[in-house]
Each structure stands twice: as C-alpha cells, then as structure tokens.
C-alpha cells in the first residue's frame, strides 16, 4: 500500500521503506489507538503537498518583491 508511487520508489531506491515501517508500527498498536493514529497519518499526508506549494508560492512572492 502506498499513497504516492513516485515518492515510494524514491524511498525504495534509497534502501528503506518508511511507509512499511510506519504501517507495521501502527498495526502493532491497540485497536483504540489504531484508528486515531491512522487518522492523524492520513491528515498529515494529505496536508504535506498543499503546505509545500504554499511555501513555494510565498518564496516566489518574496523573490519577485525584492
């Protein structure tokens, strides 16, 4: 299971699989914690790209103003 195939391939090319490690750690959690942690992981992953885009736009705005 992967969310972004290109990022997954980059991770594998570097010799590690952080997605697999995190998912196996989450699977080892008690059922009560599992749902909350999975929700936080999904929320975090969903906000990474928009936040990176915002940072790039702000950086470009500062460069064009100066």
N, C-alpha and C. Protein backbone atom coordinates (compact mmCIF):
# COMPACT_ATOMS: atom_id res chain seq x y z
N UNK A 1 0.84 -1.18 0.00
CA UNK A 1 0.00 0.00 0.00
C UNK A 1 0.88 1.24 0.00
N UNK A 2 0.61 2.14 -0.90
CA UNK A 2 1.35 3.39 -0.96
C UNK A 2 0.41 4.51 -1.39
N UNK A 3 0.74 5.71 -1.01
CA UNK A 3 -0.08 6.86 -1.33
C UNK A 3 0.46 7.59 -2.56
N UNK A 4 1.74 7.60 -2.74
CA UNK A 4 2.37 8.29 -3.85
C UNK A 4 3.44 7.37 -4.44
N UNK A 5 3.20 6.85 -5.61
CA UNK A 5 4.07 5.85 -6.18
C UNK A 5 5.49 6.38 -6.42
N UNK A 6 5.63 7.61 -6.88
CA UNK A 6 6.97 8.15 -7.14
C UNK A 6 7.77 8.32 -5.85
N UNK A 7 7.13 8.86 -4.81
CA UNK A 7 7.83 9.01 -3.53
C UNK A 7 8.21 7.65 -2.96
N UNK A 8 7.34 6.68 -3.14
CA UNK A 8 7.62 5.32 -2.68
C UNK A 8 8.83 4.75 -3.41
N UNK A 9 8.92 4.95 -4.72
CA UNK A 9 10.06 4.44 -5.48
C UNK A 9 11.36 5.13 -5.08
N UNK A 10 11.29 6.42 -4.78
CA UNK A 10 12.49 7.13 -4.30
C UNK A 10 12.94 6.54 -2.97
N UNK A 11 12.01 6.31 -2.07
CA UNK A 11 12.35 5.71 -0.78
C UNK A 11 12.99 4.34 -0.97
N UNK A 12 12.42 3.53 -1.83
CA UNK A 12 12.98 2.20 -2.07
C UNK A 12 14.36 2.28 -2.70
N UNK A 13 14.58 3.25 -3.57
CA UNK A 13 15.89 3.38 -4.21
C UNK A 13 16.96 3.78 -3.20
N UNK A 14 16.55 4.45 -2.12
CA UNK A 14 17.50 4.83 -1.07
C UNK A 14 17.73 3.71 -0.07
N UNK A 15 17.00 2.61 -0.22
CA UNK A 15 17.25 1.44 0.62
C UNK A 15 16.39 1.34 1.86
N UNK A 16 15.33 2.11 1.94
CA UNK A 16 14.45 1.98 3.10
C UNK A 16 13.00 2.14 2.67
N UNK A 17 12.13 1.66 3.52
CA UNK A 17 10.70 1.71 3.24
C UNK A 17 9.99 2.31 4.45
N UNK A 18 9.98 3.63 4.57
CA UNK A 18 9.39 4.25 5.76
C UNK A 18 7.88 4.00 5.86
N UNK A 19 7.20 3.89 4.72
CA UNK A 19 5.77 3.64 4.76
C UNK A 19 5.49 2.29 5.40
N UNK A 20 6.24 1.28 4.99
CA UNK A 20 6.07 -0.05 5.57
C UNK A 20 6.40 -0.07 7.05
N UNK A 21 7.44 0.64 7.45
CA UNK A 21 7.82 0.67 8.86
C UNK A 21 6.74 1.34 9.71
N UNK A 22 6.22 2.45 9.23
CA UNK A 22 5.18 3.16 9.98
C UNK A 22 3.91 2.34 10.06
N UNK A 23 3.52 1.75 8.93
CA UNK A 23 2.29 0.95 8.94
C UNK A 23 2.40 -0.27 9.83
N UNK A 24 3.56 -0.92 9.86
CA UNK A 24 3.70 -2.07 10.75
C UNK A 24 3.72 -1.63 12.21
N UNK A 25 4.26 -0.45 12.49
CA UNK A 25 4.23 0.06 13.87
C UNK A 25 2.80 0.41 14.28
N UNK A 26 2.03 0.98 13.37
CA UNK A 26 0.65 1.34 13.68
C UNK A 26 -0.20 0.07 13.86
N UNK A 27 0.06 -0.93 13.05
CA UNK A 27 -0.68 -2.19 13.18
C UNK A 27 -0.44 -2.85 14.53
N UNK A 28 0.70 -2.58 15.15
CA UNK A 28 1.01 -3.18 16.44
C UNK A 28 0.32 -2.46 17.60
N UNK A 29 -0.28 -1.31 17.33
CA UNK A 29 -0.96 -0.55 18.38
C UNK A 29 -2.28 -1.22 18.77
N UNK A 30 -2.75 -0.96 19.97
CA UNK A 30 -4.07 -1.44 20.35
C UNK A 30 -5.15 -0.84 19.44
N UNK A 31 -6.26 -1.52 19.34
CA UNK A 31 -7.33 -1.12 18.42
C UNK A 31 -7.80 0.30 18.68
N UNK A 32 -7.90 0.70 19.92
CA UNK A 32 -8.38 2.04 20.25
C UNK A 32 -7.46 3.12 19.69
N UNK A 33 -6.16 2.92 19.77
CA UNK A 33 -5.20 3.90 19.27
C UNK A 33 -5.03 3.82 17.76
N UNK A 34 -5.24 2.66 17.21
CA UNK A 34 -5.01 2.43 15.77
C UNK A 34 -5.80 3.41 14.91
N UNK A 35 -7.09 3.57 15.16
CA UNK A 35 -7.92 4.46 14.36
C UNK A 35 -7.48 5.91 14.44
N UNK A 36 -7.16 6.37 15.64
CA UNK A 36 -6.72 7.76 15.82
C UNK A 36 -5.39 8.04 15.15
N UNK A 37 -4.47 7.12 15.29
CA UNK A 37 -3.15 7.30 14.67
C UNK A 37 -3.27 7.26 13.14
N UNK A 38 -4.08 6.36 12.62
CA UNK A 38 -4.27 6.29 11.17
C UNK A 38 -4.92 7.58 10.65
N UNK A 39 -5.87 8.13 11.41
CA UNK A 39 -6.49 9.39 11.02
C UNK A 39 -5.44 10.50 10.96
N UNK A 40 -4.59 10.59 11.98
CA UNK A 40 -3.55 11.62 12.00
C UNK A 40 -2.55 11.44 10.86
N UNK A 41 -2.21 10.19 10.55
CA UNK A 41 -1.29 9.94 9.44
C UNK A 41 -1.90 10.37 8.11
N UNK A 42 -3.17 10.05 7.91
CA UNK A 42 -3.84 10.45 6.68
C UNK A 42 -3.95 11.98 6.58
N UNK A 43 -4.29 12.62 7.68
CA UNK A 43 -4.40 14.07 7.69
C UNK A 43 -3.05 14.73 7.40
N UNK A 44 -2.02 14.23 8.03
CA UNK A 44 -0.68 14.77 7.82
C UNK A 44 -0.25 14.60 6.37
N UNK A 45 -0.45 13.40 5.85
CA UNK A 45 -0.03 13.13 4.47
C UNK A 45 -0.82 13.98 3.48
N UNK A 46 -2.10 14.21 3.76
CA UNK A 46 -2.94 15.00 2.86
C UNK A 46 -2.55 16.48 2.87
N UNK A 47 -1.94 16.95 3.94
CA UNK A 47 -1.59 18.37 4.02
C UNK A 47 -0.15 18.68 3.62
N UNK A 48 0.67 17.66 3.40
CA UNK A 48 2.08 17.90 3.07
C UNK A 48 2.22 18.65 1.74
N UNK A 49 1.59 18.18 0.70
CA UNK A 49 1.74 18.82 -0.61
C UNK A 49 1.15 20.23 -0.66
N UNK A 50 -0.05 20.48 -0.12
CA UNK A 50 -0.54 21.87 -0.13
C UNK A 50 0.38 22.81 0.65
N UNK A 51 0.92 22.36 1.75
CA UNK A 51 1.82 23.21 2.53
C UNK A 51 3.11 23.48 1.77
N UNK A 52 3.63 22.47 1.08
CA UNK A 52 4.84 22.69 0.27
C UNK A 52 4.55 23.68 -0.85
N UNK A 53 3.39 23.56 -1.47
CA UNK A 53 3.00 24.51 -2.52
C UNK A 53 2.89 25.92 -1.99
N UNK A 54 2.31 26.08 -0.82
CA UNK A 54 2.19 27.39 -0.19
C UNK A 54 3.56 27.99 0.08
N UNK A 55 4.48 27.19 0.56
CA UNK A 55 5.83 27.68 0.85
C UNK A 55 6.51 28.13 -0.44
N UNK A 56 6.36 27.36 -1.51
CA UNK A 56 6.97 27.74 -2.79
C UNK A 56 6.36 29.06 -3.29
N UNK A 57 5.03 29.19 -3.21
CA UNK A 57 4.39 30.43 -3.65
C UNK A 57 4.85 31.62 -2.83
N UNK A 58 4.95 31.45 -1.51
CA UNK A 58 5.43 32.55 -0.67
C UNK A 58 6.88 32.91 -0.99
N UNK A 59 7.69 31.91 -1.26
CA UNK A 59 9.08 32.15 -1.62
C UNK A 59 9.18 32.93 -2.94
N UNK A 60 8.37 32.52 -3.91
CA UNK A 60 8.37 33.23 -5.19
C UNK A 60 7.87 34.67 -5.04
N UNK A 61 6.90 34.85 -4.16
CA UNK A 61 6.38 36.21 -3.93
C UNK A 61 7.45 37.11 -3.31
N UNK A 62 8.19 36.58 -2.36
CA UNK A 62 9.25 37.35 -1.71
C UNK A 62 10.36 37.67 -2.72
N UNK A 63 10.70 36.70 -3.57
CA UNK A 63 11.74 36.94 -4.57
C UNK A 63 11.33 38.00 -5.59
N UNK A 64 10.07 37.97 -6.01
CA UNK A 64 9.62 38.94 -7.01
C UNK A 64 9.46 40.34 -6.42
N UNK A 65 9.23 40.43 -5.11
CA UNK A 65 9.08 41.73 -4.46
C UNK A 65 10.43 42.39 -4.20
N UNK A 66 11.47 41.55 -4.06
CA UNK A 66 12.76 42.11 -3.67
C UNK A 66 13.67 42.30 -4.77
